[in-house]
């Protein structure tokens, strides 16, 4: 490796370590067995309680676009009314005031005929 590809870093404990730019870097130190040390070992139990409370609080928020419960999806379906038509292009049921053109027994709305 060229000298420009190395970076020398001084850590908080005063140890100097050279890091190659092309090699993946990790923030966790590895013990003798090769397993990463648990950064949360010996953590304060009160921190865990705060995390649980935050998770419960986050679950209370309803995000836009989230799935609705089946009981919230009840809709009343109405048949096409006398003053409505189905557009031959977008197939949406529109009010007669949005009728733009009629061709070959097909009705087209003003949005599609734009």
PDB file of N, CA and C in Angstrom:
ATOM      1  N   UNK A   1       0.839  -1.195   0.000  1.00  0.00           N
ATOM      2  CA  UNK A   1       0.000   0.000   0.000  1.00  0.00           C
ATOM      3  C   UNK A   1       0.872   1.243   0.000  1.00  0.00           C
ATOM      4  N   UNK A   2       0.409   2.253  -0.625  1.00  0.00           N
ATOM      5  CA  UNK A   2       1.140   3.517  -0.669  1.00  0.00           C
ATOM      6  C   UNK A   2       0.920   4.264   0.633  1.00  0.00           C
ATOM      7  N   UNK A   3       1.813   5.194   0.922  1.00  0.00           N
ATOM      8  CA  UNK A   3       1.718   5.955   2.165  1.00  0.00           C
ATOM      9  C   UNK A   3       0.460   6.797   2.211  1.00  0.00           C
ATOM     10  N   UNK A   4      -0.064   7.210   1.066  1.00  0.00           N
ATOM     11  CA  UNK A   4      -1.266   8.050   1.030  1.00  0.00           C
ATOM     12  C   UNK A   4      -2.510   7.258   1.394  1.00  0.00           C
ATOM     13  N   UNK A   5      -2.403   5.927   1.403  1.00  0.00           N
ATOM     14  CA  UNK A   5      -3.562   5.100   1.695  1.00  0.00           C
ATOM     15  C   UNK A   5      -3.673   4.765   3.172  1.00  0.00           C
ATOM     16  N   UNK A   6      -2.834   5.302   4.008  1.00  0.00           N
ATOM     17  CA  UNK A   6      -2.879   5.022   5.435  1.00  0.00           C
ATOM     18  C   UNK A   6      -3.250   6.272   6.205  1.00  0.00           C
ATOM     19  N   UNK A   7      -3.858   6.050   7.310  1.00  0.00           N
ATOM     20  CA  UNK A   7      -4.244   7.151   8.185  1.00  0.00           C
ATOM     21  C   UNK A   7      -3.816   6.768   9.594  1.00  0.00           C
ATOM     22  N   UNK A   8      -3.154   7.657  10.274  1.00  0.00           N
ATOM     23  CA  UNK A   8      -2.743   7.401  11.644  1.00  0.00           C
ATOM     24  C   UNK A   8      -3.715   8.104  12.569  1.00  0.00           C
ATOM     25  N   UNK A   9      -4.261   7.347  13.497  1.00  0.00           N
ATOM     26  CA  UNK A   9      -5.245   7.910  14.419  1.00  0.00           C
ATOM     27  C   UNK A   9      -4.766   7.707  15.843  1.00  0.00           C
ATOM     28  N   UNK A  10      -4.973   8.690  16.683  1.00  0.00           N
ATOM     29  CA  UNK A  10      -4.657   8.593  18.100  1.00  0.00           C
ATOM     30  C   UNK A  10      -5.979   8.492  18.837  1.00  0.00           C
ATOM     31  N   UNK A  11      -6.159   7.393  19.560  1.00  0.00           N
ATOM     32  CA  UNK A  11      -7.408   7.158  20.275  1.00  0.00           C
ATOM     33  C   UNK A  11      -7.362   7.802  21.651  1.00  0.00           C
ATOM     34  N   UNK A  12      -8.500   7.811  22.316  1.00  0.00           N
ATOM     35  CA  UNK A  12      -8.616   8.487  23.610  1.00  0.00           C
ATOM     36  C   UNK A  12      -7.683   7.902  24.664  1.00  0.00           C
ATOM     37  N   UNK A  13      -7.294   6.635  24.536  1.00  0.00           N
ATOM     38  CA  UNK A  13      -6.402   6.022  25.515  1.00  0.00           C
ATOM     39  C   UNK A  13      -4.938   6.271  25.174  1.00  0.00           C
ATOM     40  N   UNK A  14      -4.684   7.023  24.102  1.00  0.00           N
ATOM     41  CA  UNK A  14      -3.323   7.358  23.738  1.00  0.00           C
ATOM     42  C   UNK A  14      -2.676   6.375  22.790  1.00  0.00           C
ATOM     43  N   UNK A  15      -3.370   5.302  22.404  1.00  0.00           N
ATOM     44  CA  UNK A  15      -2.801   4.313  21.493  1.00  0.00           C
ATOM     45  C   UNK A  15      -2.866   4.836  20.070  1.00  0.00           C
ATOM     46  N   UNK A  16      -1.782   4.607  19.333  1.00  0.00           N
ATOM     47  CA  UNK A  16      -1.734   5.026  17.934  1.00  0.00           C
ATOM     48  C   UNK A  16      -2.001   3.808  17.067  1.00  0.00           C
ATOM     49  N   UNK A  17      -2.863   3.970  16.065  1.00  0.00           N
ATOM     50  CA  UNK A  17      -3.217   2.851  15.212  1.00  0.00           C
ATOM     51  C   UNK A  17      -3.280   3.343  13.769  1.00  0.00           C
ATOM     52  N   UNK A  18      -2.698   2.578  12.868  1.00  0.00           N
ATOM     53  CA  UNK A  18      -2.749   2.921  11.451  1.00  0.00           C
ATOM     54  C   UNK A  18      -3.923   2.188  10.823  1.00  0.00           C
ATOM     55  N   UNK A  19      -4.720   2.922  10.072  1.00  0.00           N
ATOM     56  CA  UNK A  19      -5.894   2.349   9.424  1.00  0.00           C
ATOM     57  C   UNK A  19      -5.751   2.494   7.925  1.00  0.00           C
ATOM     58  N   UNK A  20      -5.912   1.412   7.175  1.00  0.00           N
ATOM     59  CA  UNK A  20      -5.868   1.463   5.718  1.00  0.00           C
ATOM     60  C   UNK A  20      -7.216   1.925   5.183  1.00  0.00           C
ATOM     61  N   UNK A  21      -7.207   2.790   4.180  1.00  0.00           N
ATOM     62  CA  UNK A  21      -8.459   3.289   3.623  1.00  0.00           C
ATOM     63  C   UNK A  21      -9.214   2.211   2.863  1.00  0.00           C
ATOM     64  N   UNK A  22      -8.509   1.241   2.310  1.00  0.00           N
ATOM     65  CA  UNK A  22      -9.161   0.216   1.515  1.00  0.00           C
ATOM     66  C   UNK A  22      -9.660  -0.947   2.351  1.00  0.00           C
ATOM     67  N   UNK A  23      -9.351  -0.975   3.626  1.00  0.00           N
ATOM     68  CA  UNK A  23      -9.792  -2.056   4.484  1.00  0.00           C
ATOM     69  C   UNK A  23     -11.022  -1.611   5.262  1.00  0.00           C
ATOM     70  N   UNK A  24     -11.968  -2.534   5.493  1.00  0.00           N
ATOM     71  CA  UNK A  24     -13.150  -2.152   6.274  1.00  0.00           C
ATOM     72  C   UNK A  24     -12.760  -1.824   7.704  1.00  0.00           C
ATOM     73  N   UNK A  25     -13.382  -0.801   8.247  1.00  0.00           N
ATOM     74  CA  UNK A  25     -13.106  -0.383   9.621  1.00  0.00           C
ATOM     75  C   UNK A  25     -14.255  -0.800  10.520  1.00  0.00           C
ATOM     76  N   UNK A  26     -13.926  -1.188  11.739  1.00  0.00           N
ATOM     77  CA  UNK A  26     -14.950  -1.503  12.728  1.00  0.00           C
ATOM     78  C   UNK A  26     -14.682  -0.675  13.966  1.00  0.00           C
ATOM     79  N   UNK A  27     -15.743  -0.353  14.659  1.00  0.00           N
ATOM     80  CA  UNK A  27     -15.612   0.444  15.876  1.00  0.00           C
ATOM     81  C   UNK A  27     -15.475  -0.428  17.114  1.00  0.00           C
ATOM     82  N   UNK A  28     -15.777  -1.720  16.985  1.00  0.00           N
ATOM     83  CA  UNK A  28     -15.719  -2.607  18.136  1.00  0.00           C
ATOM     84  C   UNK A  28     -14.399  -3.368  18.134  1.00  0.00           C
ATOM     85  N   UNK A  29     -13.853  -3.564  19.306  1.00  0.00           N
ATOM     86  CA  UNK A  29     -12.636  -4.355  19.433  1.00  0.00           C
ATOM     87  C   UNK A  29     -13.012  -5.827  19.508  1.00  0.00           C
ATOM     88  N   UNK A  30     -12.117  -6.679  19.054  1.00  0.00           N
ATOM     89  CA  UNK A  30     -12.365  -8.114  19.035  1.00  0.00           C
ATOM     90  C   UNK A  30     -11.532  -8.756  20.134  1.00  0.00           C
ATOM     91  N   UNK A  31     -12.175  -9.664  20.935  1.00  0.00           N
ATOM     92  CA  UNK A  31     -11.445 -10.338  22.006  1.00  0.00           C
ATOM     93  C   UNK A  31     -10.698 -11.550  21.450  1.00  0.00           C
ATOM     94  N   UNK A  32     -10.094 -12.357  22.289  1.00  0.00           N
ATOM     95  CA  UNK A  32      -9.251 -13.469  21.849  1.00  0.00           C
ATOM     96  C   UNK A  32     -10.010 -14.510  21.035  1.00  0.00           C
ATOM     97  N   UNK A  33     -11.282 -14.715  21.305  1.00  0.00           N
ATOM     98  CA  UNK A  33     -12.042 -15.732  20.575  1.00  0.00           C
ATOM     99  C   UNK A  33     -12.512 -15.217  19.227  1.00  0.00           C
ATOM    100  N   UNK A  34     -12.299 -13.956  18.939  1.00  0.00           N
ATOM    101  CA  UNK A  34     -12.704 -13.403  17.662  1.00  0.00           C
ATOM    102  C   UNK A  34     -14.083 -12.771  17.707  1.00  0.00           C
ATOM    103  N   UNK A  35     -14.770 -12.896  18.823  1.00  0.00           N
ATOM    104  CA  UNK A  35     -16.111 -12.315  18.933  1.00  0.00           C
ATOM    105  C   UNK A  35     -15.995 -10.873  19.397  1.00  0.00           C
ATOM    106  N   UNK A  36     -16.858 -10.035  18.892  1.00  0.00           N
ATOM    107  CA  UNK A  36     -16.840  -8.620  19.269  1.00  0.00           C
ATOM    108  C   UNK A  36     -17.336  -8.470  20.696  1.00  0.00           C
ATOM    109  N   UNK A  37     -16.717  -7.553  21.424  1.00  0.00           N
ATOM    110  CA  UNK A  37     -17.153  -7.291  22.788  1.00  0.00           C
ATOM    111  C   UNK A  37     -18.503  -6.611  22.761  1.00  0.00           C
ATOM    112  N   UNK A  38     -19.325  -6.888  23.749  1.00  0.00           N
ATOM    113  CA  UNK A  38     -20.650  -6.285  23.842  1.00  0.00           C
ATOM    114  C   UNK A  38     -20.496  -4.862  24.352  1.00  0.00           C
ATOM    115  N   UNK A  39     -20.830  -3.863  23.547  1.00  0.00           N
ATOM    116  CA  UNK A  39     -20.667  -2.484  24.000  1.00  0.00           C
ATOM    117  C   UNK A  39     -21.663  -2.099  25.089  1.00  0.00           C
ATOM    118  N   UNK A  40     -22.735  -2.882  25.256  1.00  0.00           N
ATOM    119  CA  UNK A  40     -23.758  -2.552  26.250  1.00  0.00           C
ATOM    120  C   UNK A  40     -23.613  -3.364  27.530  1.00  0.00           C
ATOM    121  N   UNK A  41     -22.553  -4.181  27.627  1.00  0.00           N
ATOM    122  CA  UNK A  41     -22.376  -4.994  28.825  1.00  0.00           C
ATOM    123  C   UNK A  41     -22.106  -4.083  30.005  1.00  0.00           C
ATOM    124  N   UNK A  42     -22.812  -4.320  31.078  1.00  0.00           N
ATOM    125  CA  UNK A  42     -22.654  -3.498  32.266  1.00  0.00           C
ATOM    126  C   UNK A  42     -23.393  -2.176  32.145  1.00  0.00           C
ATOM    127  N   UNK A  43     -24.298  -2.085  31.201  1.00  0.00           N
ATOM    128  CA  UNK A  43     -25.059  -0.846  31.024  1.00  0.00           C
ATOM    129  C   UNK A  43     -26.005  -0.652  32.197  1.00  0.00           C
ATOM    130  N   UNK A  44     -26.351   0.562  32.419  1.00  0.00           N
ATOM    131  CA  UNK A  44     -27.251   0.912  33.497  1.00  0.00           C
ATOM    132  C   UNK A  44     -28.646   0.357  33.201  1.00  0.00           C
ATOM    133  N   UNK A  45     -29.281  -0.376  34.161  1.00  0.00           N
ATOM    134  CA  UNK A  45     -30.620  -0.918  33.914  1.00  0.00           C
ATOM    135  C   UNK A  45     -31.661   0.177  33.672  1.00  0.00           C
ATOM    136  N   UNK A  46     -31.415   1.379  34.166  1.00  0.00           N
ATOM    137  CA  UNK A  46     -32.366   2.472  33.948  1.00  0.00           C
ATOM    138  C   UNK A  46     -32.400   2.855  32.472  1.00  0.00           C
ATOM    139  N   UNK A  47     -31.272   2.697  31.775  1.00  0.00           N
ATOM    140  CA  UNK A  47     -31.243   2.980  30.342  1.00  0.00           C
ATOM    141  C   UNK A  47     -32.191   2.058  29.586  1.00  0.00           C
ATOM    142  N   UNK A  48     -32.246   0.788  30.006  1.00  0.00           N
ATOM    143  CA  UNK A  48     -33.141  -0.171  29.367  1.00  0.00           C
ATOM    144  C   UNK A  48     -34.586   0.234  29.577  1.00  0.00           C
ATOM    145  N   UNK A  49     -34.912   0.704  30.766  1.00  0.00           N
ATOM    146  CA  UNK A  49     -36.278   1.141  31.039  1.00  0.00           C
ATOM    147  C   UNK A  49     -36.658   2.323  30.163  1.00  0.00           C
ATOM    148  N   UNK A  50     -35.739   3.220  29.956  1.00  0.00           N
ATOM    149  CA  UNK A  50     -36.011   4.376  29.102  1.00  0.00           C
ATOM    150  C   UNK A  50     -36.249   3.912  27.674  1.00  0.00           C
ATOM    151  N   UNK A  51     -35.450   2.957  27.197  1.00  0.00           N
ATOM    152  CA  UNK A  51     -35.619   2.449  25.838  1.00  0.00           C
ATOM    153  C   UNK A  51     -36.984   1.799  25.658  1.00  0.00           C
ATOM    154  N   UNK A  52     -37.440   1.047  26.655  1.00  0.00           N
ATOM    155  CA  UNK A  52     -38.749   0.398  26.576  1.00  0.00           C
ATOM    156  C   UNK A  52     -39.847   1.448  26.547  1.00  0.00           C
ATOM    157  N   UNK A  53     -39.730   2.473  27.370  1.00  0.00           N
ATOM    158  CA  UNK A  53     -40.738   3.529  27.394  1.00  0.00           C
ATOM    159  C   UNK A  53     -40.781   4.264  26.062  1.00  0.00           C
ATOM    160  N   UNK A  54     -39.628   4.511  25.462  1.00  0.00           N
ATOM    161  CA  UNK A  54     -39.589   5.175  24.158  1.00  0.00           C
ATOM    162  C   UNK A  54     -40.220   4.306  23.083  1.00  0.00           C
ATOM    163  N   UNK A  55     -39.997   2.998  23.153  1.00  0.00           N
ATOM    164  CA  UNK A  55     -40.584   2.091  22.165  1.00  0.00           C
ATOM    165  C   UNK A  55     -42.104   2.073  22.287  1.00  0.00           C
ATOM    166  N   UNK A  56     -42.609   2.049  23.520  1.00  0.00           N
ATOM    167  CA  UNK A  56     -44.058   2.071  23.719  1.00  0.00           C
ATOM    168  C   UNK A  56     -44.650   3.384  23.232  1.00  0.00           C
ATOM    169  N   UNK A  57     -43.950   4.477  23.444  1.00  0.00           N
ATOM    170  CA  UNK A  57     -44.419   5.776  22.982  1.00  0.00           C
ATOM    171  C   UNK A  57     -44.437   5.831  21.456  1.00  0.00           C
ATOM    172  N   UNK A  58     -43.438   5.260  20.822  1.00  0.00           N
ATOM    173  CA  UNK A  58     -43.375   5.255  19.360  1.00  0.00           C
ATOM    174  C   UNK A  58     -44.503   4.424  18.759  1.00  0.00           C
ATOM    175  N   UNK A  59     -44.910   3.349  19.438  1.00  0.00           N
ATOM    176  CA  UNK A  59     -45.997   2.514  18.940  1.00  0.00           C
ATOM    177  C   UNK A  59     -47.335   3.232  18.990  1.00  0.00           C
ATOM    178  N   UNK A  60     -47.464   4.245  19.840  1.00  0.00           N
ATOM    179  CA  UNK A  60     -48.725   4.965  19.979  1.00  0.00           C
ATOM    180  C   UNK A  60     -48.992   5.878  18.789  1.00  0.00           C
ATOM    181  N   UNK A  61     -47.951   6.274  18.061  1.00  0.00           N
ATOM    182  CA  UNK A  61     -48.125   7.163  16.916  1.00  0.00           C
ATOM    183  C   UNK A  61     -48.602   6.378  15.699  1.00  0.00           C
ATOM    184  N   UNK A  62     -49.542   6.950  14.972  1.00  0.00           N
ATOM    185  CA  UNK A  62     -50.034   6.329  13.750  1.00  0.00           C
ATOM    186  C   UNK A  62     -49.450   7.080  12.566  1.00  0.00           C
ATOM    187  N   UNK A  63     -48.643   6.398  11.790  1.00  0.00           N
ATOM    188  CA  UNK A  63     -47.972   7.020  10.664  1.00  0.00           C
ATOM    189  C   UNK A  63     -48.884   7.063   9.449  1.00  0.00           C
ATOM    190  N   UNK A  64     -48.743   8.097   8.616  1.00  0.00           N
ATOM    191  CA  UNK A  64     -49.548   8.148   7.397  1.00  0.00           C
ATOM    192  C   UNK A  64     -49.197   6.988   6.475  1.00  0.00           C
ATOM    193  N   UNK A  65     -50.207   6.392   5.890  1.00  0.00           N
ATOM    194  CA  UNK A  65     -49.992   5.255   5.009  1.00  0.00           C
ATOM    195  C   UNK A  65     -49.904   3.934   5.745  1.00  0.00           C
ATOM    196  N   UNK A  66     -50.051   3.959   7.067  1.00  0.00           N
ATOM    197  CA  UNK A  66     -49.987   2.724   7.836  1.00  0.00           C
ATOM    198  C   UNK A  66     -51.240   1.896   7.576  1.00  0.00           C
ATOM    199  N   UNK A  67     -51.130   0.600   7.810  1.00  0.00           N
ATOM    200  CA  UNK A  67     -52.276  -0.275   7.601  1.00  0.00           C
ATOM    201  C   UNK A  67     -53.338   0.011   8.647  1.00  0.00           C
ATOM    202  N   UNK A  68     -54.579  -0.058   8.218  1.00  0.00           N
ATOM    203  CA  UNK A  68     -55.698   0.172   9.114  1.00  0.00           C
ATOM    204  C   UNK A  68     -56.248  -1.163   9.581  1.00  0.00           C
ATOM    205  N   UNK A  69     -56.857  -1.143  10.754  1.00  0.00           N
ATOM    206  CA  UNK A  69     -57.493  -2.342  11.272  1.00  0.00           C
ATOM    207  C   UNK A  69     -58.701  -2.672  10.397  1.00  0.00           C
ATOM    208  N   UNK A  70     -59.078  -3.952  10.279  1.00  0.00           N
ATOM    209  CA  UNK A  70     -60.201  -4.329   9.411  1.00  0.00           C
ATOM    210  C   UNK A  70     -61.512  -3.617   9.753  1.00  0.00           C
ATOM    211  N   UNK A  71     -61.742  -3.318  11.027  1.00  0.00           N
ATOM    212  CA  UNK A  71     -62.990  -2.641  11.378  1.00  0.00           C
ATOM    213  C   UNK A  71     -63.004  -1.187  10.917  1.00  0.00           C
ATOM    214  N   UNK A  72     -61.852  -0.617  10.601  1.00  0.00           N
ATOM    215  CA  UNK A  72     -61.781   0.758  10.120  1.00  0.00           C
ATOM    216  C   UNK A  72     -61.947   0.840   8.607  1.00  0.00           C
ATOM    217  N   UNK A  73     -62.058  -0.297   7.935  1.00  0.00           N
ATOM    218  CA  UNK A  73     -62.153  -0.312   6.487  1.00  0.00           C
ATOM    219  C   UNK A  73     -63.582  -0.491   5.984  1.00  0.00           C
ATOM    220  N   UNK A  74     -64.558  -0.340   6.839  1.00  0.00           N
ATOM    221  CA  UNK A  74     -65.942  -0.502   6.427  1.00  0.00           C
ATOM    222  C   UNK A  74     -66.364   0.662   5.550  1.00  0.00           C
ATOM    223  N   UNK A  75     -66.891   0.338   4.380  1.00  0.00           N
ATOM    224  CA  UNK A  75     -67.364   1.338   3.438  1.00  0.00           C
ATOM    225  C   UNK A  75     -68.760   0.967   2.982  1.00  0.00           C
ATOM    226  N   UNK A  76     -69.549   1.970   2.701  1.00  0.00           N
ATOM    227  CA  UNK A  76     -70.865   1.721   2.136  1.00  0.00           C
ATOM    228  C   UNK A  76     -70.748   1.878   0.623  1.00  0.00           C
ATOM    229  N   UNK A  77     -71.074   0.829  -0.109  1.00  0.00           N
ATOM    230  CA  UNK A  77     -70.971   0.834  -1.563  1.00  0.00           C
ATOM    231  C   UNK A  77     -72.314   1.255  -2.145  1.00  0.00           C
ATOM    232  N   UNK A  78     -72.286   2.275  -2.992  1.00  0.00           N
ATOM    233  CA  UNK A  78     -73.495   2.759  -3.648  1.00  0.00           C
ATOM    234  C   UNK A  78     -73.415   2.450  -5.135  1.00  0.00           C
ATOM    235  N   UNK A  79     -74.545   2.160  -5.728  1.00  0.00           N
ATOM    236  CA  UNK A  79     -74.603   1.944  -7.172  1.00  0.00           C
ATOM    237  C   UNK A  79     -74.425   3.278  -7.888  1.00  0.00           C
ATOM    238  N   UNK A  80     -74.061   3.220  -9.154  1.00  0.00           N
ATOM    239  CA  UNK A  80     -73.889   4.441  -9.941  1.00  0.00           C
ATOM    240  C   UNK A  80     -75.214   5.192  -9.992  1.00  0.00           C
ATOM    241  N   UNK A  81     -75.161   6.474  -9.682  1.00  0.00           N
ATOM    242  CA  UNK A  81     -76.360   7.306  -9.635  1.00  0.00           C
ATOM    243  C   UNK A  81     -76.732   7.786 -11.037  1.00  0.00           C
ATOM    244  N   UNK A  82     -77.921   8.346 -11.164  1.00  0.00           N
ATOM    245  CA  UNK A  82     -78.422   8.799 -12.465  1.00  0.00           C
ATOM    246  C   UNK A  82     -77.596   9.954 -13.021  1.00  0.00           C
ATOM    247  N   UNK A  83     -77.017  10.774 -12.144  1.00  0.00           N
ATOM    248  CA  UNK A  83     -76.234  11.923 -12.609  1.00  0.00           C
ATOM    249  C   UNK A  83     -74.733  11.624 -12.676  1.00  0.00           C
ATOM    250  N   UNK A  84     -74.349  10.358 -12.731  1.00  0.00           N
ATOM    251  CA  UNK A  84     -72.949   9.954 -12.793  1.00  0.00           C
ATOM    252  C   UNK A  84     -72.692   9.117 -14.045  1.00  0.00           C
ATOM    253  N   UNK A  85     -71.437   9.027 -14.439  1.00  0.00           N
ATOM    254  CA  UNK A  85     -71.036   8.188 -15.565  1.00  0.00           C
ATOM    255  C   UNK A  85     -69.677   7.574 -15.257  1.00  0.00           C
ATOM    256  N   UNK A  86     -69.343   6.510 -15.949  1.00  0.00           N
ATOM    257  CA  UNK A  86     -68.037   5.872 -15.819  1.00  0.00           C
ATOM    258  C   UNK A  86     -67.195   6.270 -17.018  1.00  0.00           C
ATOM    259  N   UNK A  87     -66.046   6.854 -16.748  1.00  0.00           N
ATOM    260  CA  UNK A  87     -65.153   7.304 -17.814  1.00  0.00           C
ATOM    261  C   UNK A  87     -64.621   6.093 -18.581  1.00  0.00           C
ATOM    262  N   UNK A  88     -64.601   6.189 -19.901  1.00  0.00           N
ATOM    263  CA  UNK A  88     -64.116   5.106 -20.745  1.00  0.00           C
ATOM    264  C   UNK A  88     -62.605   4.999 -20.783  1.00  0.00           C
ATOM    265  N   UNK A  89     -61.891   5.976 -20.211  1.00  0.00           N
ATOM    266  CA  UNK A  89     -60.434   5.955 -20.216  1.00  0.00           C
ATOM    267  C   UNK A  89     -59.867   5.571 -18.852  1.00  0.00           C
ATOM    268  N   UNK A  90     -60.268   6.278 -17.795  1.00  0.00           N
ATOM    269  CA  UNK A  90     -59.722   6.007 -16.454  1.00  0.00           C
ATOM    270  C   UNK A  90     -60.626   5.092 -15.628  1.00  0.00           C
ATOM    271  N   UNK A  91     -61.854   4.847 -16.091  1.00  0.00           N
ATOM    272  CA  UNK A  91     -62.820   3.953 -15.460  1.00  0.00           C
ATOM    273  C   UNK A  91     -63.254   4.400 -14.069  1.00  0.00           C
ATOM    274  N   UNK A  92     -63.137   5.688 -13.793  1.00  0.00           N
ATOM    275  CA  UNK A  92     -63.637   6.241 -12.542  1.00  0.00           C
ATOM    276  C   UNK A  92     -65.063   6.715 -12.737  1.00  0.00           C
ATOM    277  N   UNK A  93     -65.850   6.613 -11.678  1.00  0.00           N
ATOM    278  CA  UNK A  93     -67.219   7.127 -11.727  1.00  0.00           C
ATOM    279  C   UNK A  93     -67.149   8.614 -11.444  1.00  0.00           C
ATOM    280  N   UNK A  94     -67.654   9.405 -12.384  1.00  0.00           N
ATOM    281  CA  UNK A  94     -67.590  10.865 -12.294  1.00  0.00           C
ATOM    282  C   UNK A  94     -68.991  11.450 -12.338  1.00  0.00           C
ATOM    283  N   UNK A  95     -69.121  12.698 -11.878  1.00  0.00           N
ATOM    284  CA  UNK A  95     -70.381  13.433 -11.966  1.00  0.00           C
ATOM    285  C   UNK A  95     -70.553  13.934 -13.397  1.00  0.00           C
ATOM    286  N   UNK A  96     -71.811  14.086 -13.825  1.00  0.00           N
ATOM    287  CA  UNK A  96     -72.104  14.535 -15.200  1.00  0.00           C
ATOM    288  C   UNK A  96     -71.457  15.876 -15.527  1.00  0.00           C
ATOM    289  N   UNK A  97     -71.192  16.693 -14.523  1.00  0.00           N
ATOM    290  CA  UNK A  97     -70.566  17.994 -14.778  1.00  0.00           C
ATOM    291  C   UNK A  97     -69.132  17.845 -15.285  1.00  0.00           C
ATOM    292  N   UNK A  98     -68.529  16.656 -15.124  1.00  0.00           N
ATOM    293  CA  UNK A  98     -67.159  16.415 -15.582  1.00  0.00           C
ATOM    294  C   UNK A  98     -67.112  15.710 -16.939  1.00  0.00           C
ATOM    295  N   UNK A  99     -68.265  15.573 -17.590  1.00  0.00           N
ATOM    296  CA  UNK A  99     -68.325  14.934 -18.898  1.00  0.00           C
ATOM    297  C   UNK A  99     -67.723  15.855 -19.951  1.00  0.00           C
ATOM    298  N   UNK A 100     -66.732  15.378 -20.683  1.00  0.00           N
ATOM    299  CA  UNK A 100     -66.063  16.189 -21.696  1.00  0.00           C
ATOM    300  C   UNK A 100     -66.421  15.746 -23.112  1.00  0.00           C
ATOM    301  N   UNK A 101     -66.572  14.431 -23.341  1.00  0.00           N
ATOM    302  CA  UNK A 101     -66.799  13.953 -24.695  1.00  0.00           C
ATOM    303  C   UNK A 101     -67.483  12.598 -24.661  1.00  0.00           C
ATOM    304  N   UNK A 102     -68.264  12.335 -25.686  1.00  0.00           N
ATOM    305  CA  UNK A 102     -68.894  11.027 -25.861  1.00  0.00           C
ATOM    306  C   UNK A 102     -68.542  10.537 -27.254  1.00  0.00           C
ATOM    307  N   UNK A 103     -67.990   9.314 -27.326  1.00  0.00           N
ATOM    308  CA  UNK A 103     -67.594   8.756 -28.620  1.00  0.00           C
ATOM    309  C   UNK A 103     -67.826   7.247 -28.611  1.00  0.00           C
ATOM    310  N   UNK A 104     -68.563   6.746 -29.588  1.00  0.00           N
ATOM    311  CA  UNK A 104     -68.859   5.312 -29.717  1.00  0.00           C
ATOM    312  C   UNK A 104     -69.463   4.742 -28.434  1.00  0.00           C
ATOM    313  N   UNK A 105     -70.434   5.397 -27.885  1.00  0.00           N
ATOM    314  CA  UNK A 105     -71.124   5.002 -26.646  1.00  0.00           C
ATOM    315  C   UNK A 105     -70.197   4.977 -25.426  1.00  0.00           C
ATOM    316  N   UNK A 106     -69.040   5.597 -25.512  1.00  0.00           N
ATOM    317  CA  UNK A 106     -68.144   5.737 -24.365  1.00  0.00           C
ATOM    318  C   UNK A 106     -68.128   7.190 -23.931  1.00  0.00           C
ATOM    319  N   UNK A 107     -68.133   7.406 -22.621  1.00  0.00           N
ATOM    320  CA  UNK A 107     -68.093   8.752 -22.058  1.00  0.00           C
ATOM    321  C   UNK A 107     -66.702   8.997 -21.492  1.00  0.00           C
ATOM    322  N   UNK A 108     -66.177  10.201 -21.704  1.00  0.00           N
ATOM    323  CA  UNK A 108     -64.832  10.539 -21.246  1.00  0.00           C
ATOM    324  C   UNK A 108     -64.889  11.769 -20.352  1.00  0.00           C
ATOM    325  N   UNK A 109     -64.149  11.738 -19.241  1.00  0.00           N
ATOM    326  CA  UNK A 109     -64.155  12.850 -18.283  1.00  0.00           C
ATOM    327  C   UNK A 109     -63.214  13.964 -18.740  1.00  0.00           C
ATOM    328  N   UNK A 110     -63.368  15.117 -18.122  1.00  0.00           N
ATOM    329  CA  UNK A 110     -62.546  16.278 -18.488  1.00  0.00           C
ATOM    330  C   UNK A 110     -61.075  16.082 -18.105  1.00  0.00           C
ATOM    331  N   UNK A 111     -60.787  15.278 -17.090  1.00  0.00           N
ATOM    332  CA  UNK A 111     -59.391  15.017 -16.716  1.00  0.00           C
ATOM    333  C   UNK A 111     -58.674  14.219 -17.800  1.00  0.00           C
ATOM    334  N   UNK A 112     -59.341  13.228 -18.363  1.00  0.00           N
ATOM    335  CA  UNK A 112     -58.711  12.400 -19.395  1.00  0.00           C
ATOM    336  C   UNK A 112     -58.628  13.131 -20.726  1.00  0.00           C
ATOM    337  N   UNK A 113     -59.559  13.989 -21.003  1.00  0.00           N
ATOM    338  CA  UNK A 113     -59.568  14.722 -22.265  1.00  0.00           C
ATOM    339  C   UNK A 113     -58.735  15.989 -22.182  1.00  0.00           C
ATOM    340  N   UNK A 114     -58.404  16.401 -20.968  1.00  0.00           N
ATOM    341  CA  UNK A 114     -57.592  17.531 -20.613  1.00  0.00           C
ATOM    342  C   UNK A 114     -57.296  18.483 -21.639  1.00  0.00           C
TER     343      UNK A 114
END
